[in-house]
Amino acid sequence: MTDMIKNVYDKLKSNLKKVITGKDGELDIIISAILAKGHILIEDMPGTGKTVLAKAIAKSVSCEFKRIQFTPDLLPGDITGVHIYNFKTGDFSLKKGAVFTNILLGDEINRATPRTQSALLECMGERQVTIDGQTFALSPPFVVLATQNPIETGGVYPLPEAQLDRFLIELSLGYPDAGSEFEILEKSKFHHPVDDLTAIITPEELIKASDSTEQIRISDDLLNYIVLLGEKTRSHEQIRLGLSTRGLIAVKRIAQAFAGIKGRNFVTPDDIKTIAPFGMAHRLILKGYGSRREALRLVNEILSEVPVPTEDIDNFFGENK
């Protein structure tokens, strides 16, 4: 089980590192989210590699990839699809939208209106789409990689809480260090390295590895630890709306996948503490003005305050090593 997960992880990370340099930790979180069958929101400054990363992931898996450039005039039907009347036959035929794919890149998702953004809710939450009362299942794997720019406020529509809650993780790549930046410039002397990427994972391999992460063991003590983290967010004086039950499940699923890529068949407290900021911060609604940085600070504060289970966990590890 763990060998399969680790094999997919090693191949995917090796391919992504040809394009994304100096971001090993972030790549581990992203790959864990993909293996956990989750959707990913990348919020970062312009030119830090958000779209390049999404393209690199899509090219690494030999499955269908589509991209939507979100704009204010984009309509829900452009995403999901519409029925078009055929004058010759007198029937309506379905023109499928961009969501009928395996990996969907939603570039600058906060530029579309809330009505258009909401077209992704059913797709992301239930992996199906309803068009004119008819429901269509989306073929696995189905991953939404969305990007947004945090510094532009003109002509953008902040993602509503329900939409944010559909993303398994939110993260920022940030600027690379000087050494990594030099390597990036060197690799792109003549052409962009993403053009050289080839598929190294089949959809079947990804699906099997994703299914296997669900079998990674997590003790009752650690489940209770996740519950306590959630309760702490709901009672915190600076947080208006804390973690939902879906958020707790998200933390569990990412932790299982993260343990899997590390070659273990059980989750440790450190796994949860490592992935929690990425799975929790974007789901919190703070009192007053609350930035992503402030939400991350509060999550780390909560992680330092909630006691980590130890004794029973040691016994659990002893049984499952």
Protein backbone atom coordinates (compact mmCIF):
# COMPACT_ATOMS: atom_id res chain seq x y z
CA MET A 1 0.00 0.00 0.00
CA THR A 2 2.58 2.57 1.10
CA ASP A 3 4.98 1.43 -1.65
CA MET A 4 2.40 2.36 -4.28
CA ILE A 5 1.78 5.77 -2.72
CA LYS A 6 5.50 6.45 -2.33
CA ASN A 7 6.19 5.43 -5.93
CA VAL A 8 3.58 7.83 -7.32
CA TYR A 9 4.84 10.58 -5.00
CA ASP A 10 8.49 10.11 -5.99
CA LYS A 11 7.74 10.19 -9.72
CA LEU A 12 5.43 13.19 -9.47
CA LYS A 13 7.73 15.23 -7.25
CA SER A 14 10.77 14.45 -9.39
CA ASN A 15 8.93 15.75 -12.45
CA LEU A 16 7.62 18.88 -10.72
CA LYS A 17 11.06 19.77 -9.39
CA LYS A 18 12.25 20.16 -12.98
CA VAL A 19 10.04 23.26 -13.09
CA ILE A 20 9.42 24.36 -9.48
CA THR A 21 12.72 24.93 -7.68
CA GLY A 22 13.37 25.36 -3.96
CA LYS A 23 9.83 24.53 -2.82
CA ASP A 24 10.14 20.96 -1.53
CA GLY A 25 7.82 21.48 1.44
CA GLU A 26 5.10 23.11 -0.63
CA LEU A 27 5.29 20.36 -3.25
CA ASP A 28 4.82 17.73 -0.52
CA ILE A 29 1.63 19.45 0.63
CA ILE A 30 0.31 19.82 -2.93
CA ILE A 31 0.98 16.17 -3.82
CA SER A 32 -0.64 15.09 -0.55
CA ALA A 33 -3.74 17.11 -1.45
CA ILE A 34 -3.93 15.51 -4.91
CA LEU A 35 -3.57 12.02 -3.41
CA ALA A 36 -6.29 12.93 -0.89
CA LYS A 37 -8.61 13.65 -3.85
CA GLY A 38 -8.76 17.31 -2.92
CA HIS A 39 -8.83 20.64 -4.72
CA ILE A 40 -6.08 23.22 -4.37
CA LEU A 41 -6.21 27.02 -4.12
CA ILE A 42 -2.94 28.85 -4.72
CA GLU A 43 -2.90 32.48 -3.64
CA ASP A 44 0.27 34.36 -4.46
CA MET A 45 1.87 37.39 -6.04
CA PRO A 46 2.01 37.65 -9.84
CA GLY A 47 4.89 35.78 -11.46
CA THR A 48 5.62 33.31 -8.65
CA GLY A 49 4.76 30.20 -10.63
CA LYS A 50 1.10 29.53 -9.81
CA THR A 51 -0.02 28.78 -13.36
CA VAL A 52 3.25 27.04 -14.22
CA LEU A 53 2.78 24.67 -11.28
CA ALA A 54 -0.76 23.81 -12.39
CA LYS A 55 0.43 23.14 -15.93
CA ALA A 56 3.31 21.01 -14.65
CA ILE A 57 0.94 18.84 -12.60
CA ALA A 58 -1.38 18.42 -15.57
CA LYS A 59 1.48 17.44 -17.89
CA SER A 60 2.85 14.96 -15.34
CA VAL A 61 -0.35 12.90 -15.33
CA SER A 62 -1.48 11.42 -18.64
CA CYS A 63 -5.05 12.60 -18.35
CA GLU A 64 -7.22 15.35 -19.81
CA PHE A 65 -6.44 18.94 -18.85
CA LYS A 66 -8.48 22.10 -19.43
CA ARG A 67 -8.00 25.70 -18.43
CA ILE A 68 -10.50 28.45 -17.69
CA GLN A 69 -9.35 32.06 -17.60
CA PHE A 70 -11.85 33.58 -15.17
CA THR A 71 -13.15 37.02 -16.17
CA PRO A 72 -16.14 39.14 -15.06
CA ASP A 73 -18.09 38.27 -18.22
CA LEU A 74 -17.66 34.49 -17.82
CA LEU A 75 -21.01 32.70 -17.44
CA PRO A 76 -21.86 29.54 -15.45
CA GLY A 77 -22.68 27.73 -18.70
CA ASP A 78 -19.15 28.39 -19.94
CA ILE A 79 -17.93 26.23 -17.05
CA THR A 80 -20.55 23.50 -16.82
CA GLY A 81 -21.93 23.38 -20.37
CA VAL A 82 -25.21 24.18 -22.12
CA HIS A 83 -27.82 22.47 -24.27
CA ILE A 84 -27.87 23.85 -27.81
CA TYR A 85 -30.83 23.52 -30.18
CA ASN A 86 -30.09 21.77 -33.45
CA PHE A 87 -32.36 23.22 -36.15
CA LYS A 88 -31.72 20.29 -38.50
CA THR A 89 -32.73 17.53 -36.09
CA GLY A 90 -35.08 19.53 -33.90
CA ASP A 91 -33.30 18.22 -30.77
CA PHE A 92 -31.14 19.74 -28.08
CA SER A 93 -27.55 18.52 -27.81
CA LEU A 94 -25.19 19.06 -24.88
CA LYS A 95 -22.09 21.12 -25.40
CA LYS A 96 -19.96 20.10 -22.44
CA GLY A 97 -18.13 22.78 -20.46
CA ALA A 98 -14.56 22.84 -19.19
CA VAL A 99 -15.39 20.85 -16.02
CA PHE A 100 -15.64 17.69 -18.10
CA THR A 101 -11.96 16.95 -17.65
CA ASN A 102 -9.56 15.41 -15.13
CA ILE A 103 -7.43 18.38 -14.13
CA LEU A 104 -9.05 21.80 -14.33
CA LEU A 105 -7.02 24.97 -13.99
CA GLY A 106 -9.13 27.91 -12.86
CA ASP A 107 -6.82 30.86 -13.45
CA GLU A 108 -7.55 34.01 -11.40
CA ILE A 109 -10.75 32.49 -10.06
CA ASN A 110 -11.62 35.62 -8.06
CA ARG A 111 -12.11 37.64 -11.26
CA ALA A 112 -15.43 35.90 -12.01
CA THR A 113 -18.73 36.95 -10.45
CA PRO A 114 -20.10 34.99 -7.46
CA ARG A 115 -22.81 33.50 -9.71
CA THR A 116 -20.14 32.04 -11.99
CA GLN A 117 -17.94 30.93 -9.11
CA SER A 118 -20.88 29.02 -7.66
CA ALA A 119 -21.05 26.87 -10.81
CA LEU A 120 -18.05 24.99 -9.39
CA LEU A 121 -19.66 24.18 -6.03
CA GLU A 122 -21.42 20.98 -7.11
CA CYS A 123 -18.50 19.93 -9.32
CA MET A 124 -15.96 20.29 -6.51
CA GLY A 125 -18.10 18.97 -3.70
CA GLU A 126 -19.85 16.03 -5.37
CA ARG A 127 -17.80 15.47 -8.54
CA GLN A 128 -20.88 15.79 -10.68
CA VAL A 129 -22.59 18.55 -12.63
CA THR A 130 -26.28 19.26 -13.18
CA ILE A 131 -27.28 20.93 -16.44
CA ASP A 132 -30.96 21.73 -17.07
CA GLY A 133 -32.03 19.17 -14.49
CA GLN A 134 -29.83 16.40 -15.88
CA THR A 135 -26.92 15.17 -13.74
CA PHE A 136 -23.62 14.00 -15.18
CA ALA A 137 -20.84 12.30 -13.22
CA LEU A 138 -17.30 13.62 -13.66
CA SER A 139 -14.68 11.01 -14.47
CA PRO A 140 -11.99 10.43 -11.85
CA PRO A 141 -9.50 11.75 -11.16
CA PHE A 142 -11.02 15.22 -10.94
CA VAL A 143 -8.87 17.96 -9.43
CA VAL A 144 -9.45 21.72 -9.51
CA LEU A 145 -6.32 23.84 -9.28
CA ALA A 146 -7.35 27.46 -8.81
CA THR A 147 -5.17 30.55 -8.58
CA GLN A 148 -5.85 34.02 -7.30
CA ASN A 149 -3.89 37.22 -6.88
CA PRO A 150 -4.16 38.70 -3.35
CA ILE A 151 -2.96 42.22 -4.13
CA GLU A 152 -5.45 43.29 -6.81
CA THR A 153 -8.81 44.53 -5.56
CA GLY A 154 -10.26 46.18 -8.69
CA GLY A 155 -12.58 43.96 -10.70
CA VAL A 156 -12.29 40.97 -8.37
CA TYR A 157 -14.90 39.14 -6.30
CA PRO A 158 -13.61 37.45 -3.11
CA LEU A 159 -14.45 33.77 -2.94
CA PRO A 160 -17.44 33.13 -0.65
CA GLU A 161 -16.94 30.95 2.42
CA ALA A 162 -18.81 27.99 0.89
CA GLN A 163 -16.48 28.06 -2.12
CA LEU A 164 -13.34 28.27 0.04
CA ASP A 165 -14.55 25.31 2.07
CA ARG A 166 -14.54 23.16 -1.09
CA PHE A 167 -10.77 23.57 -1.42
CA LEU A 168 -8.87 20.96 0.54
CA ILE A 169 -5.89 23.26 0.96
CA GLU A 170 -4.81 26.82 0.31
CA LEU A 171 -1.16 27.73 0.08
CA SER A 172 1.30 30.28 -1.23
CA LEU A 173 4.51 29.40 -3.03
CA GLY A 174 6.23 32.70 -2.25
CA TYR A 175 9.42 33.97 -3.82
CA PRO A 176 12.31 31.49 -4.20
CA ASP A 177 15.65 32.11 -2.54
CA ALA A 178 18.54 33.56 -4.56
CA GLY A 179 20.10 30.19 -5.36
CA SER A 180 16.81 28.73 -6.56
CA GLU A 181 16.05 31.85 -8.58
CA PHE A 182 19.42 31.58 -10.35
CA GLU A 183 18.64 27.94 -11.17
CA ILE A 184 15.26 28.96 -12.60
CA LEU A 185 16.88 31.56 -14.84
CA GLU A 186 19.50 29.07 -15.96
CA LYS A 187 16.88 26.44 -16.85
CA SER A 188 14.88 28.94 -18.89
CA LYS A 189 17.76 30.33 -20.98
CA PHE A 190 16.39 29.01 -24.26
CA HIS A 191 12.86 27.80 -23.51
CA HIS A 192 10.57 27.17 -20.56
CA PRO A 193 11.32 23.84 -18.79
CA VAL A 194 7.60 23.06 -18.49
CA ASP A 195 7.62 22.44 -22.26
CA ASP A 196 9.94 19.46 -21.72
CA LEU A 197 7.72 17.69 -19.19
CA THR A 198 6.13 14.41 -20.18
CA ALA A 199 3.49 12.29 -18.46
CA ILE A 200 5.03 9.92 -15.92
CA ILE A 201 1.85 8.76 -14.12
CA THR A 202 -1.29 7.19 -15.55
CA PRO A 203 -4.75 8.09 -14.25
CA GLU A 204 -5.12 4.50 -13.01
CA GLU A 205 -1.92 4.78 -10.95
CA LEU A 206 -3.08 8.05 -9.42
CA ILE A 207 -6.53 6.66 -8.59
CA LYS A 208 -5.09 3.51 -6.97
CA ALA A 209 -2.61 5.52 -4.91
CA SER A 210 -5.38 7.94 -3.87
CA ASP A 211 -7.63 5.08 -2.79
CA SER A 212 -4.74 3.60 -0.79
CA THR A 213 -4.28 6.77 1.27
CA GLU A 214 -7.74 6.19 2.74
CA GLN A 215 -6.38 3.01 4.34
CA ILE A 216 -3.60 4.85 6.21
CA ARG A 217 -4.26 4.25 9.91
CA ILE A 218 -5.08 7.08 12.26
CA SER A 219 -5.68 6.41 15.95
CA ASP A 220 -8.73 7.49 17.93
CA ASP A 221 -6.47 9.75 19.98
CA LEU A 222 -5.41 11.61 16.86
CA LEU A 223 -8.99 11.84 15.64
CA ASN A 224 -9.87 13.38 18.98
CA TYR A 225 -6.88 15.72 18.62
CA ILE A 226 -8.30 16.98 15.31
CA VAL A 227 -11.71 17.47 16.94
CA LEU A 228 -10.10 19.51 19.74
CA LEU A 229 -8.35 21.69 17.17
CA GLY A 230 -11.70 22.32 15.51
CA GLU A 231 -13.41 23.15 18.81
CA LYS A 232 -10.63 25.59 19.66
CA THR A 233 -11.21 27.50 16.41
CA ARG A 234 -14.93 27.76 17.22
CA SER A 235 -14.37 29.20 20.70
CA HIS A 236 -11.43 31.49 19.88
CA GLU A 237 -12.15 35.13 20.69
CA GLN A 238 -10.66 36.39 17.41
CA ILE A 239 -12.50 33.91 15.17
CA ARG A 240 -16.11 34.54 14.12
CA LEU A 241 -16.63 31.21 12.37
CA GLY A 242 -14.40 28.23 13.09
CA LEU A 243 -13.67 24.98 11.34
CA SER A 244 -16.62 23.03 9.91
CA THR A 245 -16.99 19.26 10.10
CA ARG A 246 -15.93 19.14 6.46
CA GLY A 247 -12.80 21.01 7.52
CA LEU A 248 -12.04 18.38 10.18
CA ILE A 249 -12.42 15.63 7.59
CA ALA A 250 -10.09 17.56 5.29
CA VAL A 251 -7.38 17.72 7.96
CA LYS A 252 -7.70 13.96 8.51
CA ARG A 253 -7.51 13.16 4.80
CA ILE A 254 -4.46 15.34 4.12
CA ALA A 255 -2.69 13.89 7.17
CA GLN A 256 -3.32 10.36 5.88
CA ALA A 257 -1.95 11.23 2.45
CA PHE A 258 1.02 13.07 3.95
CA ALA A 259 1.89 10.01 6.06
CA GLY A 260 1.63 7.88 2.91
CA ILE A 261 4.11 9.95 0.90
CA LYS A 262 6.53 9.65 3.81
CA GLY A 263 6.32 5.86 3.48
CA ARG A 264 4.29 5.20 6.64
CA ASN A 265 0.99 3.35 7.06
CA PHE A 266 0.01 5.41 10.12
CA VAL A 267 -0.45 9.10 10.94
CA THR A 268 1.69 10.86 13.56
CA PRO A 269 0.92 14.05 15.51
CA ASP A 270 3.64 15.81 13.51
CA ASP A 271 1.81 14.96 10.28
CA ILE A 272 -1.25 16.79 11.55
CA LYS A 273 0.74 19.77 12.81
CA THR A 274 2.54 20.04 9.46
CA ILE A 275 -0.53 20.02 7.24
CA ALA A 276 -3.04 21.76 9.56
CA PRO A 277 -2.20 25.37 8.56
CA PHE A 278 -2.83 24.57 4.89
CA GLY A 279 -6.11 22.77 5.57
CA MET A 280 -7.50 25.08 8.26
CA ALA A 281 -6.54 28.73 7.75
CA HIS A 282 -8.62 29.46 4.64
CA ARG A 283 -11.74 28.03 6.33
CA LEU A 284 -11.64 30.46 9.26
CA ILE A 285 -13.65 33.69 9.26
CA LEU A 286 -11.97 36.19 11.55
CA LYS A 287 -13.57 39.04 13.44
CA GLY A 288 -12.92 42.42 11.85
CA TYR A 289 -10.34 42.52 9.09
CA GLY A 290 -8.57 39.22 8.81
CA SER A 291 -5.85 38.48 6.29
CA ARG A 292 -4.55 35.06 5.30
CA ARG A 293 -1.39 35.77 7.27
CA GLU A 294 -3.41 36.49 10.42
CA ALA A 295 -5.43 33.28 9.95
CA LEU A 296 -2.20 31.29 9.64
CA ARG A 297 -0.88 32.92 12.80
CA LEU A 298 -4.01 31.94 14.71
CA VAL A 299 -3.83 28.33 13.47
CA ASN A 300 -0.22 28.06 14.62
CA GLU A 301 -1.21 29.60 17.95
CA ILE A 302 -3.98 27.01 18.36
CA LEU A 303 -1.58 24.19 17.44
CA SER A 304 0.77 25.34 20.20
CA GLU A 305 -2.04 25.47 22.78
CA VAL A 306 -3.90 22.18 22.18
CA PRO A 307 -2.12 19.28 23.95
CA VAL A 308 -0.73 16.62 21.62
CA PRO A 309 -1.62 13.00 22.54
CA THR A 310 1.45 10.92 23.37
CA GLU A 311 1.13 7.72 25.48
CA ASP A 312 -1.56 5.87 23.50
CA ILE A 313 0.00 7.04 20.27
CA ASP A 314 3.24 5.26 21.19
CA ASN A 315 1.31 2.05 21.68
CA PHE A 316 -0.43 2.57 18.37
CA PHE A 317 2.90 2.98 16.58
CA GLY A 318 4.25 -0.14 18.23
CA GLU A 319 1.38 -2.18 16.79
CA ASN A 320 1.70 -0.79 13.28
CA LYS A 321 5.39 -0.37 12.58
